[in-house]
Amino acid sequence: MTKLKNNIIEIFIFFTIFLLLFYSSDPVIYDDSSRYLEGGLKGPPLYSIIVLTLKSIFKTLNSIIIFQTIFLGFSIAFFAKTVSEHFNLNILKKSIIAIFLFLPILKFYNNLLTETICNAFSLLFVSFIIKLIYKLNIQNLFWSGIFVVLLLLTRNQFMFLYPVILLTYFGIFIIHNSKKTIILLTISFLSILLVHNSLINLKKYIGKNLNNEKNILQNDRGIFHFIFIDAIYISSNEDSKLFKNKKLQNTFNEIFKKIDDRKALVKYYDGRGHFGLSFATIRDVSILPLEDLANRENISVIDLKKDISIKIISANFVKYLKLIFKKFYDSTWLFVFIPFFMLLAASTEFLKFKSKFSLIIIFLSSFTLANHSVVYLFGRVQPRYLIYSDFILLIFIYIIFSIILQKKIMN
């Protein structure tokens, strides 16, 4: 009976998961789903491997939805159990955390996209970092490193984990301050770096052997795919003089004129959300002119975007900074100020007391700030890119208030 009571939340989680799958396990397909269904080598490979493996075994796309939903349910249960153990939360508070984590599931669980699996990996990653901060051992280092690599192999967005991990490891070293600690942390970080980059290079090598190198280079949606759209958005007709290559200059003029005719430039900014409306226009208008020039110049589209972006942003840097601020202000600006002040307060307390709880707040706030920064700088601001950090941050704000209020009542 005691065992049943201790696991009542986990039972509730999986019961709810099965109800959700019973309601529908049919996959929702988007344009971006094609890259995973085709098994291309355009981006990080992990989700494509999961999709193709499950599809080949079970012969149905429903198996992917069932797998990722059950796996997310497991990660919610594991996360709820981890925080309840380390922060002494009762069943009611643990239930509130579990229910809150179900909110993004209702929106994303049956999408054939990376959100569900990345949400699960994020919860497990944060869980093991919490365990690692409270107990530095090889097991917690190993599993936290594993989930860093899995996130990096699923979305390029998670490149922000490198500085976050470095900051967290530095905090752990300050707490323990021993030779053994720095050796363990150094080995862990270098292992993450080695495994991630080795697998990415293997993917590129396979792509070359399959004679897909040119296609990969032209269609890879790296950071300059998004920076290019920012650059064109802030550009003006005068920027054509920045390009010494006449063919490149003519291509820029062709793109600029069409986008200007559609009033999709920053000079037509008409309030919140304008960039989001212009994004698709700039992306779609640019495809054919850039591909045509890439074929004539025997260069990749992504290299063309890089060249154009660097020149325009260098010449219009103040306008670029204003755009980044508008992107941040037009979206979830509270989720920048809140973690910033949490980071500031936690850092002050950590430097003074070197407490593990302060380090957890530093980790979570930097995790959120880094995620938002990557999205604002290198992507299109959409809520689905921010769920990995924002829901976890809100849960810890709830935990912090619970601890404070509990102490106040006891006093």
Foldseek 3Di string as FASTA:
>chain_A
DVVCVVCVLLVVLVVVLVVVVVVDLAADEDPVLVCLVVQDLQAQRDLSCLQVVQCVVVVDSSSVLSVLSVLLSVLLSLLLVLCCVVLVDDPVLSNVLSVLLCVVCVVPSRYSACLSNLLSLLSQLLSLLLVCLVPPDPVSLVSNLVSLLVNVSRDVLSPLVLVLLVLLLVLSCVLVVDPVSVVSSVVSSVVSVVVNVVVSVVSQVVCVVVVCNQVSLQPRQDLLLQLLLLLLQADDLVLLVLDPPVLLSVLSVQLNVQLVVVVLHPVSDDDAPSVVVSSVVSNVSNNVSLVVVCVVVVHHSSVSSVVSSVSSCVVVVVSSVVQLVSQCVSPCVVLLVVLVVLLVVLVVVCVVPSDSVSSSSNSLSSSQNSSSVSCSNRHHDDVSSRPSRPSVVVSVVVSVVVVVVVVVVVD
